[in-house]
C-alpha atoms as a PDB file:
ATOM      1  CA  UNK A   1       6.561 -17.767  -6.757  1.00  0.00           C
ATOM      2  CA  UNK A   2       4.155 -15.854  -9.053  1.00  0.00           C
ATOM      3  CA  UNK A   3       1.801 -17.993 -11.923  1.00  0.00           C
ATOM      4  CA  UNK A   4       2.346 -16.314 -15.553  1.00  0.00           C
ATOM      5  CA  UNK A   5      -1.033 -17.778 -16.572  1.00  0.00           C
ATOM      6  CA  UNK A   6      -4.031 -16.364 -15.118  1.00  0.00           C
ATOM      7  CA  UNK A   7      -6.168 -18.523 -12.714  1.00  0.00           C
ATOM      8  CA  UNK A   8      -9.600 -18.192 -12.789  1.00  0.00           C
ATOM      9  CA  UNK A   9     -11.461 -16.449  -9.604  1.00  0.00           C
ATOM     10  CA  UNK A  10     -15.246 -15.717  -8.412  1.00  0.00           C
ATOM     11  CA  UNK A  11     -16.319 -12.431  -6.917  1.00  0.00           C
ATOM     12  CA  UNK A  12     -17.880 -13.274  -3.557  1.00  0.00           C
ATOM     13  CA  UNK A  13     -18.647 -10.326  -2.248  1.00  0.00           C
ATOM     14  CA  UNK A  14     -18.169  -6.863  -3.302  1.00  0.00           C
ATOM     15  CA  UNK A  15     -17.988  -3.736  -0.685  1.00  0.00           C
ATOM     16  CA  UNK A  16     -18.177  -0.160  -1.236  1.00  0.00           C
ATOM     17  CA  UNK A  17     -15.780   1.672   0.698  1.00  0.00           C
ATOM     18  CA  UNK A  18     -16.144   5.092  -0.709  1.00  0.00           C
ATOM     19  CA  UNK A  19     -18.301   6.373  -4.107  1.00  0.00           C
ATOM     20  CA  UNK A  20     -16.065   4.815  -6.872  1.00  0.00           C
ATOM     21  CA  UNK A  21     -13.728   2.378  -4.474  1.00  0.00           C
ATOM     22  CA  UNK A  22     -14.981  -0.864  -3.900  1.00  0.00           C
ATOM     23  CA  UNK A  23     -13.193  -3.850  -2.037  1.00  0.00           C
ATOM     24  CA  UNK A  24     -13.657  -6.904  -4.057  1.00  0.00           C
ATOM     25  CA  UNK A  25     -13.239 -10.612  -2.307  1.00  0.00           C
ATOM     26  CA  UNK A  26     -12.090 -12.887  -4.254  1.00  0.00           C
ATOM     27  CA  UNK A  27     -12.304 -17.189  -4.036  1.00  0.00           C
ATOM     28  CA  UNK A  28      -9.764 -18.398  -5.980  1.00  0.00           C
ATOM     29  CA  UNK A  29     -10.199 -21.854  -8.229  1.00  0.00           C
ATOM     30  CA  UNK A  30      -6.310 -23.363  -7.851  1.00  0.00           C
ATOM     31  CA  UNK A  31      -5.614 -26.719  -5.695  1.00  0.00           C
ATOM     32  CA  UNK A  32      -1.905 -25.135  -5.429  1.00  0.00           C
ATOM     33  CA  UNK A  33      -1.677 -22.656  -2.113  1.00  0.00           C
ATOM     34  CA  UNK A  34      -1.427 -18.968  -2.742  1.00  0.00           C
ATOM     35  CA  UNK A  35       1.031 -17.511  -0.772  1.00  0.00           C
ATOM     36  CA  UNK A  36       2.364 -13.834  -0.757  1.00  0.00           C
ATOM     37  CA  UNK A  37       4.622 -11.415   0.937  1.00  0.00           C
ATOM     38  CA  UNK A  38       2.836  -8.094   2.522  1.00  0.00           C
ATOM     39  CA  UNK A  39       3.202  -5.039  -0.440  1.00  0.00           C
ATOM     40  CA  UNK A  40       2.993  -7.818  -3.493  1.00  0.00           C
ATOM     41  CA  UNK A  41       0.673  -7.072  -6.023  1.00  0.00           C
ATOM     42  CA  UNK A  42      -1.969  -9.003  -8.215  1.00  0.00           C
ATOM     43  CA  UNK A  43      -2.566  -8.686 -11.890  1.00  0.00           C
ATOM     44  CA  UNK A  44      -6.586  -8.830 -12.434  1.00  0.00           C
ATOM     45  CA  UNK A  45      -7.823  -9.477 -15.683  1.00  0.00           C
ATOM     46  CA  UNK A  46     -11.472  -9.078 -17.225  1.00  0.00           C
ATOM     47  CA  UNK A  47     -11.857 -10.232 -20.918  1.00  0.00           C
ATOM     48  CA  UNK A  48     -12.917  -7.464 -23.300  1.00  0.00           C
ATOM     49  CA  UNK A  49     -11.192  -5.081 -20.788  1.00  0.00           C
ATOM     50  CA  UNK A  50      -7.442  -5.920 -20.432  1.00  0.00           C
ATOM     51  CA  UNK A  51      -5.031  -6.169 -17.299  1.00  0.00           C
ATOM     52  CA  UNK A  52      -4.398  -3.900 -14.077  1.00  0.00           C
ATOM     53  CA  UNK A  53      -2.043  -3.925 -11.170  1.00  0.00           C
ATOM     54  CA  UNK A  54      -3.997  -4.137  -7.573  1.00  0.00           C
ATOM     55  CA  UNK A  55      -2.077  -4.283  -4.580  1.00  0.00           C
ATOM     56  CA  UNK A  56      -3.537  -6.903  -2.578  1.00  0.00           C
ATOM     57  CA  UNK A  57      -4.691  -6.635   0.778  1.00  0.00           C
ATOM     58  CA  UNK A  58      -4.934  -9.688   2.582  1.00  0.00           C
ATOM     59  CA  UNK A  59      -6.916 -12.452   3.058  1.00  0.00           C
ATOM     60  CA  UNK A  60     -10.732 -12.290   5.254  1.00  0.00           C
ATOM     61  CA  UNK A  61     -12.061 -15.338   6.381  1.00  0.00           C
ATOM     62  CA  UNK A  62     -10.961 -17.603   2.994  1.00  0.00           C
ATOM     63  CA  UNK A  63     -11.279 -15.208   0.567  1.00  0.00           C
ATOM     64  CA  UNK A  64      -8.462 -12.772  -1.161  1.00  0.00           C
ATOM     65  CA  UNK A  65      -9.253  -9.311  -0.874  1.00  0.00           C
ATOM     66  CA  UNK A  66      -8.296  -6.421  -3.151  1.00  0.00           C
ATOM     67  CA  UNK A  67      -9.057  -2.569  -2.981  1.00  0.00           C
ATOM     68  CA  UNK A  68     -10.039  -0.295  -6.387  1.00  0.00           C
ATOM     69  CA  UNK A  69     -10.605   2.942  -7.553  1.00  0.00           C
ATOM     70  CA  UNK A  70     -13.016   3.048 -10.528  1.00  0.00           C
ATOM     71  CA  UNK A  71     -10.532   5.614 -12.425  1.00  0.00           C
ATOM     72  CA  UNK A  72      -9.683   3.577 -15.926  1.00  0.00           C
ATOM     73  CA  UNK A  73     -10.899   1.287 -18.748  1.00  0.00           C
ATOM     74  CA  UNK A  74     -10.190  -1.934 -16.748  1.00  0.00           C
ATOM     75  CA  UNK A  75     -10.745  -0.405 -13.448  1.00  0.00           C
ATOM     76  CA  UNK A  76     -14.374   0.344 -14.124  1.00  0.00           C
ATOM     77  CA  UNK A  77     -15.511  -2.753 -15.232  1.00  0.00           C
ATOM     78  CA  UNK A  78     -13.693  -4.603 -12.609  1.00  0.00           C
ATOM     79  CA  UNK A  79     -15.573  -2.610  -9.703  1.00  0.00           C
ATOM     80  CA  UNK A  80     -19.003  -3.399 -11.862  1.00  0.00           C
ATOM     81  CA  UNK A  81     -18.552  -6.608 -11.753  1.00  0.00           C
ATOM     82  CA  UNK A  82     -21.696  -8.769  -9.314  1.00  0.00           C
ATOM     83  CA  UNK A  83     -21.296 -11.276  -7.141  1.00  0.00           C
ATOM     84  CA  UNK A  84     -20.595 -14.690  -8.691  1.00  0.00           C
ATOM     85  CA  UNK A  85     -19.070 -13.611 -11.996  1.00  0.00           C
ATOM     86  CA  UNK A  86     -15.207 -14.495 -12.513  1.00  0.00           C
ATOM     87  CA  UNK A  87     -12.336 -12.695 -13.693  1.00  0.00           C
ATOM     88  CA  UNK A  88      -8.587 -13.291 -14.066  1.00  0.00           C
ATOM     89  CA  UNK A  89      -6.150 -13.079 -11.820  1.00  0.00           C
ATOM     90  CA  UNK A  90      -1.856 -13.593 -12.235  1.00  0.00           C
ATOM     91  CA  UNK A  91       0.464 -13.432  -9.279  1.00  0.00           C
ATOM     92  CA  UNK A  92       1.520 -12.570  -6.950  1.00  0.00           C
ATOM     93  CA  UNK A  93       4.241 -10.247  -8.173  1.00  0.00           C
ATOM     94  CA  UNK A  94       6.920  -8.185  -7.024  1.00  0.00           C
ATOM     95  CA  UNK A  95       9.374  -7.618  -3.883  1.00  0.00           C
ATOM     96  CA  UNK A  96       7.287  -6.881  -0.264  1.00  0.00           C
ATOM     97  CA  UNK A  97       8.249  -5.427   2.979  1.00  0.00           C
ATOM     98  CA  UNK A  98      10.968  -6.911   4.632  1.00  0.00           C
ATOM     99  CA  UNK A  99       9.105  -7.272   8.238  1.00  0.00           C
ATOM    100  CA  UNK A 100      10.918 -10.056   8.814  1.00  0.00           C
ATOM    101  CA  UNK A 101      14.107  -8.467   8.738  1.00  0.00           C
ATOM    102  CA  UNK A 102      12.685  -5.136  10.818  1.00  0.00           C
ATOM    103  CA  UNK A 103      11.283  -7.201  14.161  1.00  0.00           C
ATOM    104  CA  UNK A 104      12.761  -5.198  17.478  1.00  0.00           C
ATOM    105  CA  UNK A 105      12.204  -2.027  15.488  1.00  0.00           C
ATOM    106  CA  UNK A 106       9.575   1.067  15.565  1.00  0.00           C
ATOM    107  CA  UNK A 107       7.648   0.679  12.344  1.00  0.00           C
ATOM    108  CA  UNK A 108       6.589   3.814  11.486  1.00  0.00           C
ATOM    109  CA  UNK A 109       4.015   3.826   8.304  1.00  0.00           C
ATOM    110  CA  UNK A 110       3.815   7.188   6.166  1.00  0.00           C
ATOM    111  CA  UNK A 111       0.448   6.892   3.612  1.00  0.00           C
ATOM    112  CA  UNK A 112      -1.675   9.181   1.517  1.00  0.00           C
ATOM    113  CA  UNK A 113      -4.876   8.933  -0.127  1.00  0.00           C
ATOM    114  CA  UNK A 114      -5.508   5.196  -1.600  1.00  0.00           C
ATOM    115  CA  UNK A 115      -1.590   4.626  -1.504  1.00  0.00           C
ATOM    116  CA  UNK A 116      -2.309   3.521   1.914  1.00  0.00           C
ATOM    117  CA  UNK A 117      -3.385   0.221   0.385  1.00  0.00           C
ATOM    118  CA  UNK A 118       0.125  -1.780  -0.233  1.00  0.00           C
ATOM    119  CA  UNK A 119       0.711  -1.161   3.597  1.00  0.00           C
ATOM    120  CA  UNK A 120      -2.667  -2.498   5.531  1.00  0.00           C
ATOM    121  CA  UNK A 121      -1.444  -5.746   5.086  1.00  0.00           C
ATOM    122  CA  UNK A 122       1.714  -5.053   6.489  1.00  0.00           C
ATOM    123  CA  UNK A 123       0.117  -3.151   9.269  1.00  0.00           C
ATOM    124  CA  UNK A 124      -2.759  -5.666  10.566  1.00  0.00           C
ATOM    125  CA  UNK A 125       0.681  -8.398  10.872  1.00  0.00           C
ATOM    126  CA  UNK A 126       2.509  -5.714  13.144  1.00  0.00           C
ATOM    127  CA  UNK A 127      -0.419  -5.696  14.805  1.00  0.00           C
ATOM    128  CA  UNK A 128      -0.965  -9.278  15.302  1.00  0.00           C
ATOM    129  CA  UNK A 129       2.265  -9.779  16.497  1.00  0.00           C
ATOM    130  CA  UNK A 130       2.756  -6.789  18.827  1.00  0.00           C
ATOM    131  CA  UNK A 131       5.456  -8.499  20.630  1.00  0.00           C
ATOM    132  CA  UNK A 132       8.217  -8.607  17.996  1.00  0.00           C
ATOM    133  CA  UNK A 133       8.011  -4.859  17.096  1.00  0.00           C
ATOM    134  CA  UNK A 134       8.277  -1.578  18.629  1.00  0.00           C
ATOM    135  CA  UNK A 135       6.263   1.219  18.564  1.00  0.00           C
ATOM    136  CA  UNK A 136       3.920   1.187  15.498  1.00  0.00           C
ATOM    137  CA  UNK A 137       3.197   4.769  14.338  1.00  0.00           C
ATOM    138  CA  UNK A 138       0.681   4.958  11.714  1.00  0.00           C
ATOM    139  CA  UNK A 139       0.870   8.574   9.785  1.00  0.00           C
ATOM    140  CA  UNK A 140      -2.200   8.893   7.012  1.00  0.00           C
ATOM    141  CA  UNK A 141      -3.070  11.913   4.554  1.00  0.00           C
ATOM    142  CA  UNK A 142      -6.144  12.485   2.594  1.00  0.00           C
ATOM    143  CA  UNK A 143      -7.573  15.830   1.435  1.00  0.00           C
ATOM    144  CA  UNK A 144     -10.767  15.687   3.697  1.00  0.00           C
ATOM    145  CA  UNK A 145     -11.686  13.628   6.232  1.00  0.00           C
ATOM    146  CA  UNK A 146     -14.398  12.261   4.295  1.00  0.00           C
ATOM    147  CA  UNK A 147     -12.174  10.582   2.137  1.00  0.00           C
ATOM    148  CA  UNK A 148     -10.401   8.366   4.383  1.00  0.00           C
ATOM    149  CA  UNK A 149     -11.058   4.878   3.869  1.00  0.00           C
ATOM    150  CA  UNK A 150     -11.473   1.908   6.737  1.00  0.00           C
ATOM    151  CA  UNK A 151     -12.310   4.736   9.470  1.00  0.00           C
ATOM    152  CA  UNK A 152     -13.203   1.978  12.060  1.00  0.00           C
ATOM    153  CA  UNK A 153      -9.896   0.610  11.496  1.00  0.00           C
ATOM    154  CA  UNK A 154      -7.817   3.343  12.003  1.00  0.00           C
ATOM    155  CA  UNK A 155      -9.850   3.994  15.253  1.00  0.00           C
ATOM    156  CA  UNK A 156      -9.543   0.496  16.856  1.00  0.00           C
ATOM    157  CA  UNK A 157      -5.566   1.117  16.171  1.00  0.00           C
ATOM    158  CA  UNK A 158      -5.448   4.496  18.178  1.00  0.00           C
ATOM    159  CA  UNK A 159      -6.721   2.286  20.979  1.00  0.00           C
ATOM    160  CA  UNK A 160      -3.911   0.056  21.063  1.00  0.00           C
ATOM    161  CA  UNK A 161      -0.509   0.264  23.189  1.00  0.00           C
ATOM    162  CA  UNK A 162       2.430   1.543  22.041  1.00  0.00           C
ATOM    163  CA  UNK A 163       0.616   2.513  18.851  1.00  0.00           C
ATOM    164  CA  UNK A 164       0.267   6.299  17.507  1.00  0.00           C
ATOM    165  CA  UNK A 165      -2.092   7.071  14.387  1.00  0.00           C
ATOM    166  CA  UNK A 166      -2.049  10.606  13.174  1.00  0.00           C
ATOM    167  CA  UNK A 167      -4.271  12.029  10.588  1.00  0.00           C
ATOM    168  CA  UNK A 168      -4.209  14.920   8.109  1.00  0.00           C
ATOM    169  CA  UNK A 169      -6.429  16.657   6.024  1.00  0.00           C
ATOM    170  CA  UNK A 170      -4.785  19.018   3.445  1.00  0.00           C
ATOM    171  CA  UNK A 171      -8.180  20.668   2.079  1.00  0.00           C
ATOM    172  CA  UNK A 172     -10.596  20.819   5.236  1.00  0.00           C
ATOM    173  CA  UNK A 173     -12.146  24.141   5.562  1.00  0.00           C
ATOM    174  CA  UNK A 174     -12.254  23.678   9.775  1.00  0.00           C
ATOM    175  CA  UNK A 175     -10.485  21.590  12.380  1.00  0.00           C
ATOM    176  CA  UNK A 176     -12.010  18.228  13.450  1.00  0.00           C
ATOM    177  CA  UNK A 177     -11.285  16.019  16.339  1.00  0.00           C
ATOM    178  CA  UNK A 178      -7.911  13.687  16.205  1.00  0.00           C
ATOM    179  CA  UNK A 179      -7.220  15.289  12.808  1.00  0.00           C
ATOM    180  CA  UNK A 180      -4.598  18.081  11.527  1.00  0.00           C
ATOM    181  CA  UNK A 181      -5.252  20.106   8.664  1.00  0.00           C
ATOM    182  CA  UNK A 182      -2.038  20.041   6.577  1.00  0.00           C
ATOM    183  CA  UNK A 183       0.174  17.510   4.968  1.00  0.00           C
ATOM    184  CA  UNK A 184       0.914  14.026   6.322  1.00  0.00           C
ATOM    185  CA  UNK A 185       4.817  15.346   6.168  1.00  0.00           C
ATOM    186  CA  UNK A 186       3.456  17.808   8.597  1.00  0.00           C
ATOM    187  CA  UNK A 187       2.827  14.601  11.413  1.00  0.00           C
ATOM    188  CA  UNK A 188       6.508  13.343  11.557  1.00  0.00           C
ATOM    189  CA  UNK A 189       6.941  16.301  13.703  1.00  0.00           C
ATOM    190  CA  UNK A 190       4.649  15.130  16.170  1.00  0.00           C
ATOM    191  CA  UNK A 191       5.032  10.748  15.558  1.00  0.00           C
ATOM    192  CA  UNK A 192       7.223   9.501  18.541  1.00  0.00           C
ATOM    193  CA  UNK A 193       9.239   6.937  17.545  1.00  0.00           C
ATOM    194  CA  UNK A 194      13.409   6.103  17.608  1.00  0.00           C
ATOM    195  CA  UNK A 195      15.251   7.626  14.922  1.00  0.00           C
ATOM    196  CA  UNK A 196      18.162   5.269  15.704  1.00  0.00           C
ATOM    197  CA  UNK A 197      15.914   2.187  15.970  1.00  0.00           C
ATOM    198  CA  UNK A 198      13.009   2.425  13.421  1.00  0.00           C
ATOM    199  CA  UNK A 199      12.036   1.662   9.906  1.00  0.00           C
ATOM    200  CA  UNK A 200      10.044   3.415   7.586  1.00  0.00           C
ATOM    201  CA  UNK A 201       7.594   1.785   5.367  1.00  0.00           C
ATOM    202  CA  UNK A 202       6.393   4.769   2.885  1.00  0.00           C
ATOM    203  CA  UNK A 203       3.673   4.636   0.054  1.00  0.00           C
ATOM    204  CA  UNK A 204       1.564   7.417  -2.088  1.00  0.00           C
ATOM    205  CA  UNK A 205       2.612   9.875  -4.638  1.00  0.00           C
ATOM    206  CA  UNK A 206       6.465  10.895  -5.021  1.00  0.00           C
ATOM    207  CA  UNK A 207       5.862  14.031  -4.123  1.00  0.00           C
ATOM    208  CA  UNK A 208       4.583  13.244  -0.692  1.00  0.00           C
ATOM    209  CA  UNK A 209       7.632  10.974  -0.438  1.00  0.00           C
ATOM    210  CA  UNK A 210      10.435  13.247  -1.445  1.00  0.00           C
ATOM    211  CA  UNK A 211       8.982  15.857   1.217  1.00  0.00           C
ATOM    212  CA  UNK A 212       8.607  13.006   3.973  1.00  0.00           C
ATOM    213  CA  UNK A 213      12.426  12.057   3.134  1.00  0.00           C
ATOM    214  CA  UNK A 214      13.523  15.517   3.859  1.00  0.00           C
ATOM    215  CA  UNK A 215      11.906  15.703   7.095  1.00  0.00           C
ATOM    216  CA  UNK A 216      12.865  12.669   7.951  1.00  0.00           C
ATOM    217  CA  UNK A 217      16.488  13.566   7.727  1.00  0.00           C
ATOM    218  CA  UNK A 218      16.449  16.730   9.760  1.00  0.00           C
ATOM    219  CA  UNK A 219      14.594  14.013  12.308  1.00  0.00           C
ATOM    220  CA  UNK A 220      18.225  12.153  12.090  1.00  0.00           C
ATOM    221  CA  UNK A 221      16.426   8.929  10.472  1.00  0.00           C
ATOM    222  CA  UNK A 222      18.900   7.444   8.228  1.00  0.00           C
ATOM    223  CA  UNK A 223      18.471   6.335   4.662  1.00  0.00           C
ATOM    224  CA  UNK A 224      19.019   2.757   5.387  1.00  0.00           C
ATOM    225  CA  UNK A 225      15.878   2.703   7.616  1.00  0.00           C
ATOM    226  CA  UNK A 226      13.376   3.899   4.866  1.00  0.00           C
ATOM    227  CA  UNK A 227      11.505   1.627   2.613  1.00  0.00           C
ATOM    228  CA  UNK A 228       9.308   2.829  -0.499  1.00  0.00           C
ATOM    229  CA  UNK A 229       6.608   1.414  -2.554  1.00  0.00           C
ATOM    230  CA  UNK A 230       6.748   2.711  -5.723  1.00  0.00           C
ATOM    231  CA  UNK A 231       3.672   3.217  -8.455  1.00  0.00           C
ATOM    232  CA  UNK A 232       4.345   2.774 -12.581  1.00  0.00           C
ATOM    233  CA  UNK A 233       2.454   1.790 -15.109  1.00  0.00           C
ATOM    234  CA  UNK A 234       2.638  -2.030 -14.693  1.00  0.00           C
ATOM    235  CA  UNK A 235       1.624  -3.971 -17.841  1.00  0.00           C
ATOM    236  CA  UNK A 236       3.510  -7.029 -17.810  1.00  0.00           C
ATOM    237  CA  UNK A 237       4.061  -7.880 -13.836  1.00  0.00           C
ATOM    238  CA  UNK A 238       7.571  -9.274 -15.302  1.00  0.00           C
ATOM    239  CA  UNK A 239      10.027  -6.697 -16.123  1.00  0.00           C
ATOM    240  CA  UNK A 240       9.173  -7.404 -19.615  1.00  0.00           C
ATOM    241  CA  UNK A 241       7.801  -4.529 -21.354  1.00  0.00           C
ATOM    242  CA  UNK A 242       9.614  -1.663 -20.174  1.00  0.00           C
ATOM    243  CA  UNK A 243       6.846   0.265 -19.258  1.00  0.00           C
ATOM    244  CA  UNK A 244       7.874   0.802 -15.384  1.00  0.00           C
ATOM    245  CA  UNK A 245      11.544   1.115 -15.833  1.00  0.00           C
ATOM    246  CA  UNK A 246      13.778   3.556 -13.338  1.00  0.00           C
ATOM    247  CA  UNK A 247      16.792   3.782 -13.453  1.00  0.00           C
ATOM    248  CA  UNK A 248      18.321  -0.207 -13.682  1.00  0.00           C
ATOM    249  CA  UNK A 249      15.640  -1.048 -12.229  1.00  0.00           C
ATOM    250  CA  UNK A 250      12.186  -2.495 -13.127  1.00  0.00           C
ATOM    251  CA  UNK A 251       9.427  -1.571 -10.571  1.00  0.00           C
ATOM    252  CA  UNK A 252       6.869  -4.307 -11.014  1.00  0.00           C
ATOM    253  CA  UNK A 253       9.349  -6.915 -10.629  1.00  0.00           C
ATOM    254  CA  UNK A 254      12.079  -5.125  -8.676  1.00  0.00           C
ATOM    255  CA  UNK A 255      10.265  -3.695  -6.404  1.00  0.00           C
ATOM    256  CA  UNK A 256       7.458  -2.140  -6.068  1.00  0.00           C
ATOM    257  CA  UNK A 257       8.776  -1.852  -2.690  1.00  0.00           C
ATOM    258  CA  UNK A 258      12.313  -1.078  -2.669  1.00  0.00           C
ATOM    259  CA  UNK A 259      15.105   0.084   0.046  1.00  0.00           C
ATOM    260  CA  UNK A 260      15.046   3.827  -0.491  1.00  0.00           C
ATOM    261  CA  UNK A 261      19.228   3.966  -0.681  1.00  0.00           C
ATOM    262  CA  UNK A 262      18.642   1.627  -3.835  1.00  0.00           C
ATOM    263  CA  UNK A 263      16.506   3.923  -5.727  1.00  0.00           C
ATOM    264  CA  UNK A 264      17.543   7.385  -4.340  1.00  0.00           C
ATOM    265  CA  UNK A 265      19.320   8.211  -7.542  1.00  0.00           C
ATOM    266  CA  UNK A 266      16.218   8.268  -9.737  1.00  0.00           C
ATOM    267  CA  UNK A 267      13.725   9.422  -7.187  1.00  0.00           C
ATOM    268  CA  UNK A 268      12.064  12.102  -8.266  1.00  0.00           C
ATOM    269  CA  UNK A 269      14.113  12.767 -11.473  1.00  0.00           C
ATOM    270  CA  UNK A 270      11.834  13.890 -14.566  1.00  0.00           C
ATOM    271  CA  UNK A 271      11.995  11.134 -17.363  1.00  0.00           C
ATOM    272  CA  UNK A 272      13.076   8.764 -15.054  1.00  0.00           C
END
């Protein structure tokens, strides 16, 4: 359950994943259990800078992890924090991936850029509970191969049984081992899964998701099999400010993970 009041967190460790992209490992100063669903987000608060919504990456040795790209007035000072400094945290917020109801199905993860963050914890869960799911297919697209976060993790996933990892780079100037030159949506033709018994978990730019949805339809994947993590301007995390409204929904509260049929009429519509 989300806590509307900030709790105090201490930066226990910081790792640079790529230039401008850091993973912050936080020690929470709370006696209450902090539980979250894969796909939810927290609001991270820094005094004098403001608050920003960041996807929850998961736990690592008792520390809560968030991966942040330094692009704005709040994210830049967040990644500039030093170990031992404190920040505020509210959450978790939103709806996550319905992994419990997807047991027995092939799982197809389609992501692009840093948009992969909302599904990483879900992939870890699926891999750790291998007997509960069918095939696991991970499709990841970036502009250049060097932009891929957590490369060692993707290499490990490639070695697992019944787990297919396909990578695409859209702006490379030459072929690289295990990489396809092009868009992540083109990888769907190579993906090995059962269209009649699968669940697709997708996040990234909406233009990518719209293209992937068209290709999935061509491959006879039904709308009911698809779940999307949407990005909007989250400012309150509670559906009060209206900045993230999508049709009748507030993405921060009713999402960010939506069942595709729920938002199909509004996805990709200008001004919505």
